[in-house]
Structures are given as structure tokens and as C-alpha cells.
Amino acid sequence: MKLPGLVPEIPVRDLDRAVSYYQQSLGFRLDWKYKEELAGLSRDSARIFLRNTGGVSGAVFVWMNLESVASVDVLYEEWKRAGAEISAKPEAREWGLYEFVASDRDGNSFRVFHDTETPKNIPPTRSDAIAR
């Protein structure tokens, strides 16, 4: 059995406002909406749920692992142009990630990163050796 990608449920105070922000600033598409309670959004293979918490909201921190440093830079520029709330430019961090953090209007955050160190520390698997 292979596990699928995880889909976070992100708490928001105003579902319509949040859906609008995720569409306009982060490039997500609204797939479906159930009343004023829950919405499913997607972008490429990324999926999220936004749940209306009725004004009570605890922040969620979502890690988004991209395939390259260049991809991090491209997404940063796209989100910046679209008016996303971004705390700082992408940078290489001492813990081995090249990253930036964006937030929504409810205090939820996306750490967008490329892991520059882990691939160096993973020994090749049998299938990697056969492919070479």
C-alpha cells in the first residue's frame, strides 16, 4: 500500500473571504463548497480544505516541498505579484532548506521550500543502483 498525499484542513474565520484570497493571491481553484462550512481547493496536485470556524481560529502551518530551488523562486515571484502576504524573500537556511513563508489573513502559514540537504544524506536504494 502506498499512502496518498496528505490534505490539510485549514481553519478560517470567513469562508468566502478565504476562498477569494486563496484563488486570487495563491492561485488555487475552488473545486467545491458546502454551504458556508467547508470548501475544497486545489492547484496542480496540491489539495486543501478550508473550514469556517465561526470566528474561532487556531493557526495551521503547512509545509510545501517543491522540486527545486528555482521552483521556490518562481512561486515566490508569482505569489508576491498577486499580493500574497510573504514575510521575507527565499533564502538558504542553516537547517538545509531553501525557503520562504507566506501567510493567509487568518494567520495560517505556508513554508514553501526545497530540501537541499536530505538528498545528499540518503543512501542509494537498490532500485537507484539498478537504474544507474
C-alpha atoms as a PDB file:
ATOM      1  CA  MET A   1       0.000   0.000   0.000  1.00  0.00           C
ATOM      2  CA  LYS A   2       1.216   3.479  -0.869  1.00  0.00           C
ATOM      3  CA  LEU A   3      -0.013   6.468   1.126  1.00  0.00           C
ATOM      4  CA  PRO A   4      -1.553   9.363  -0.795  1.00  0.00           C
ATOM      5  CA  GLY A   5      -0.552  12.992  -0.303  1.00  0.00           C
ATOM      6  CA  LEU A   6      -1.930  14.491   2.885  1.00  0.00           C
ATOM      7  CA  VAL A   7      -4.656  17.133   2.592  1.00  0.00           C
ATOM      8  CA  PRO A   8      -4.657  19.755   5.347  1.00  0.00           C
ATOM      9  CA  GLU A   9      -7.841  21.267   6.747  1.00  0.00           C
ATOM     10  CA  ILE A  10      -7.153  24.948   7.334  1.00  0.00           C
ATOM     11  CA  PRO A  11      -9.309  26.910   9.789  1.00  0.00           C
ATOM     12  CA  VAL A  12     -10.662  30.257   8.572  1.00  0.00           C
ATOM     13  CA  ARG A  13     -12.974  32.870  10.086  1.00  0.00           C
ATOM     14  CA  ASP A  14     -14.783  33.855   6.861  1.00  0.00           C
ATOM     15  CA  LEU A  15     -15.004  31.130   4.215  1.00  0.00           C
ATOM     16  CA  ASP A  16     -15.844  33.367   1.237  1.00  0.00           C
ATOM     17  CA  ARG A  17     -13.051  35.828   2.064  1.00  0.00           C
ATOM     18  CA  ALA A  18     -10.568  32.970   2.497  1.00  0.00           C
ATOM     19  CA  VAL A  19     -11.585  31.259  -0.764  1.00  0.00           C
ATOM     20  CA  SER A  20     -11.152  34.569  -2.576  1.00  0.00           C
ATOM     21  CA  TYR A  21      -7.666  35.075  -1.078  1.00  0.00           C
ATOM     22  CA  TYR A  22      -6.531  31.536  -1.945  1.00  0.00           C
ATOM     23  CA  GLN A  23      -7.791  31.970  -5.511  1.00  0.00           C
ATOM     24  CA  GLN A  24      -6.507  35.493  -6.181  1.00  0.00           C
ATOM     25  CA  SER A  25      -3.266  35.528  -4.167  1.00  0.00           C
ATOM     26  CA  LEU A  26      -2.159  31.883  -4.130  1.00  0.00           C
ATOM     27  CA  GLY A  27      -3.577  30.602  -7.430  1.00  0.00           C
ATOM     28  CA  PHE A  28      -5.828  27.850  -6.066  1.00  0.00           C
ATOM     29  CA  ARG A  29      -9.041  26.784  -7.810  1.00  0.00           C
ATOM     30  CA  LEU A  30     -12.312  26.257  -5.941  1.00  0.00           C
ATOM     31  CA  ASP A  31     -13.345  22.642  -6.574  1.00  0.00           C
ATOM     32  CA  TRP A  32     -16.442  22.583  -4.384  1.00  0.00           C
ATOM     33  CA  LYS A  33     -18.100  24.343  -1.460  1.00  0.00           C
ATOM     34  CA  TYR A  34     -20.548  23.021   1.132  1.00  0.00           C
ATOM     35  CA  LYS A  35     -22.741  25.817   2.467  1.00  0.00           C
ATOM     36  CA  GLU A  36     -20.659  28.301   4.467  1.00  0.00           C
ATOM     37  CA  GLU A  37     -18.845  25.499   6.285  1.00  0.00           C
ATOM     38  CA  LEU A  38     -16.264  23.785   4.117  1.00  0.00           C
ATOM     39  CA  ALA A  39     -14.553  24.249   0.749  1.00  0.00           C
ATOM     40  CA  GLY A  40     -12.171  22.100  -1.270  1.00  0.00           C
ATOM     41  CA  LEU A  41      -9.494  23.845  -3.324  1.00  0.00           C
ATOM     42  CA  SER A  42      -6.667  22.596  -5.495  1.00  0.00           C
ATOM     43  CA  ARG A  43      -3.716  23.701  -7.525  1.00  0.00           C
ATOM     44  CA  ASP A  44      -1.854  21.140  -9.608  1.00  0.00           C
ATOM     45  CA  SER A  45      -1.546  18.105  -7.298  1.00  0.00           C
ATOM     46  CA  ALA A  46      -1.903  20.166  -4.087  1.00  0.00           C
ATOM     47  CA  ARG A  47      -5.266  19.941  -2.322  1.00  0.00           C
ATOM     48  CA  ILE A  48      -6.550  21.783   0.740  1.00  0.00           C
ATOM     49  CA  PHE A  49      -9.771  22.127   2.686  1.00  0.00           C
ATOM     50  CA  LEU A  50     -10.847  25.435   4.213  1.00  0.00           C
ATOM     51  CA  ARG A  51     -13.194  25.113   7.212  1.00  0.00           C
ATOM     52  CA  ASN A  52     -15.210  28.010   8.580  1.00  0.00           C
ATOM     53  CA  THR A  53     -14.622  28.002  12.341  1.00  0.00           C
ATOM     54  CA  GLY A  54     -17.198  30.670  13.116  1.00  0.00           C
ATOM     55  CA  GLY A  55     -14.658  33.243  14.231  1.00  0.00           C
ATOM     56  CA  VAL A  56     -12.558  30.929  16.405  1.00  0.00           C
ATOM     57  CA  SER A  57      -9.365  30.011  14.623  1.00  0.00           C
ATOM     58  CA  GLY A  58      -6.116  28.299  15.560  1.00  0.00           C
ATOM     59  CA  ALA A  59      -3.283  28.693  13.097  1.00  0.00           C
ATOM     60  CA  VAL A  60      -2.015  25.846  10.913  1.00  0.00           C
ATOM     61  CA  PHE A  61       1.479  25.643   9.438  1.00  0.00           C
ATOM     62  CA  VAL A  62       1.652  23.769   6.111  1.00  0.00           C
ATOM     63  CA  TRP A  63       4.994  22.719   4.595  1.00  0.00           C
ATOM     64  CA  MET A  64       5.081  22.743   0.788  1.00  0.00           C
ATOM     65  CA  ASN A  65       8.062  20.808  -0.621  1.00  0.00           C
ATOM     66  CA  LEU A  66       8.905  21.908  -4.179  1.00  0.00           C
ATOM     67  CA  GLU A  67      11.210  20.039  -6.567  1.00  0.00           C
ATOM     68  CA  SER A  68      13.937  22.698  -6.906  1.00  0.00           C
ATOM     69  CA  VAL A  69      15.357  25.991  -5.688  1.00  0.00           C
ATOM     70  CA  ALA A  70      14.204  27.527  -8.985  1.00  0.00           C
ATOM     71  CA  SER A  71      10.621  26.368  -8.295  1.00  0.00           C
ATOM     72  CA  VAL A  72      10.702  28.094  -4.899  1.00  0.00           C
ATOM     73  CA  ASP A  73      11.841  31.314  -6.588  1.00  0.00           C
ATOM     74  CA  VAL A  74       9.157  31.072  -9.288  1.00  0.00           C
ATOM     75  CA  LEU A  75       6.347  30.543  -6.763  1.00  0.00           C
ATOM     76  CA  TYR A  76       7.690  33.359  -4.579  1.00  0.00           C
ATOM     77  CA  GLU A  77       7.610  35.798  -7.516  1.00  0.00           C
ATOM     78  CA  GLU A  78       4.126  34.660  -8.562  1.00  0.00           C
ATOM     79  CA  TRP A  79       2.660  34.994  -5.063  1.00  0.00           C
ATOM     80  CA  LYS A  80       4.435  38.320  -4.490  1.00  0.00           C
ATOM     81  CA  ARG A  81       2.959  39.770  -7.725  1.00  0.00           C
ATOM     82  CA  ALA A  82      -0.502  38.515  -6.710  1.00  0.00           C
ATOM     83  CA  GLY A  83      -0.307  40.295  -3.330  1.00  0.00           C
ATOM     84  CA  ALA A  84       0.237  37.300  -1.044  1.00  0.00           C
ATOM     85  CA  GLU A  85       1.427  38.086   2.464  1.00  0.00           C
ATOM     86  CA  ILE A  86       5.085  36.985   2.458  1.00  0.00           C
ATOM     87  CA  SER A  87       7.426  37.549   5.396  1.00  0.00           C
ATOM     88  CA  ALA A  88      10.777  37.527   3.531  1.00  0.00           C
ATOM     89  CA  LYS A  89      12.482  36.596   0.261  1.00  0.00           C
ATOM     90  CA  PRO A  90      13.529  32.967  -0.225  1.00  0.00           C
ATOM     91  CA  GLU A  91      16.856  32.126   1.357  1.00  0.00           C
ATOM     92  CA  ALA A  92      19.095  29.166   2.134  1.00  0.00           C
ATOM     93  CA  ARG A  93      18.703  28.291   5.801  1.00  0.00           C
ATOM     94  CA  GLU A  94      21.263  26.649   8.059  1.00  0.00           C
ATOM     95  CA  TRP A  95      18.996  23.623   8.536  1.00  0.00           C
ATOM     96  CA  GLY A  96      19.306  22.705   4.841  1.00  0.00           C
ATOM     97  CA  LEU A  97      16.179  24.232   3.330  1.00  0.00           C
ATOM     98  CA  TYR A  98      15.839  26.981   0.745  1.00  0.00           C
ATOM     99  CA  GLU A  99      12.561  28.605   1.770  1.00  0.00           C
ATOM    100  CA  PHE A 100      10.113  31.429   2.285  1.00  0.00           C
ATOM    101  CA  VAL A 101       6.937  31.724   4.365  1.00  0.00           C
ATOM    102  CA  ALA A 102       3.585  33.075   3.173  1.00  0.00           C
ATOM    103  CA  SER A 103       0.512  33.616   5.343  1.00  0.00           C
ATOM    104  CA  ASP A 104      -3.199  33.974   4.825  1.00  0.00           C
ATOM    105  CA  ARG A 105      -5.451  36.510   6.558  1.00  0.00           C
ATOM    106  CA  ASP A 106      -6.328  34.054   9.339  1.00  0.00           C
ATOM    107  CA  GLY A 107      -2.737  33.536  10.499  1.00  0.00           C
ATOM    108  CA  ASN A 108      -2.206  30.209   8.713  1.00  0.00           C
ATOM    109  CA  SER A 109       1.198  29.831   7.088  1.00  0.00           C
ATOM    110  CA  PHE A 110       2.812  28.017   4.177  1.00  0.00           C
ATOM    111  CA  ARG A 111       6.530  27.246   4.437  1.00  0.00           C
ATOM    112  CA  VAL A 112       7.487  26.846   0.767  1.00  0.00           C
ATOM    113  CA  PHE A 113      10.816  25.045   0.498  1.00  0.00           C
ATOM    114  CA  HIS A 114      13.225  22.842  -1.358  1.00  0.00           C
ATOM    115  CA  ASP A 115      15.260  20.446   0.779  1.00  0.00           C
ATOM    116  CA  THR A 116      18.858  20.952  -0.319  1.00  0.00           C
ATOM    117  CA  GLU A 117      20.472  18.643   2.268  1.00  0.00           C
ATOM    118  CA  THR A 118      18.398  15.481   2.774  1.00  0.00           C
ATOM    119  CA  PRO A 119      19.015  14.104  -0.741  1.00  0.00           C
ATOM    120  CA  LYS A 120      22.760  14.251  -0.009  1.00  0.00           C
ATOM    121  CA  ASN A 121      22.304  12.160   3.148  1.00  0.00           C
ATOM    122  CA  ILE A 122      20.073   9.390   1.786  1.00  0.00           C
ATOM    123  CA  PRO A 123      21.988   6.287   0.701  1.00  0.00           C
ATOM    124  CA  PRO A 124      21.065   4.952  -2.742  1.00  0.00           C
ATOM    125  CA  THR A 125      18.407   2.262  -2.767  1.00  0.00           C
ATOM    126  CA  ARG A 126      18.700  -0.992  -4.663  1.00  0.00           C
ATOM    127  CA  SER A 127      16.436   0.380  -7.410  1.00  0.00           C
ATOM    128  CA  ASP A 128      18.648   3.518  -7.685  1.00  0.00           C
ATOM    129  CA  ALA A 129      21.718   1.323  -8.164  1.00  0.00           C
ATOM    130  CA  ILE A 130      19.984  -0.799 -10.815  1.00  0.00           C
ATOM    131  CA  ALA A 131      18.855   2.343 -12.716  1.00  0.00           C
ATOM    132  CA  ARG A 132      22.463   3.544 -12.942  1.00  0.00           C
END
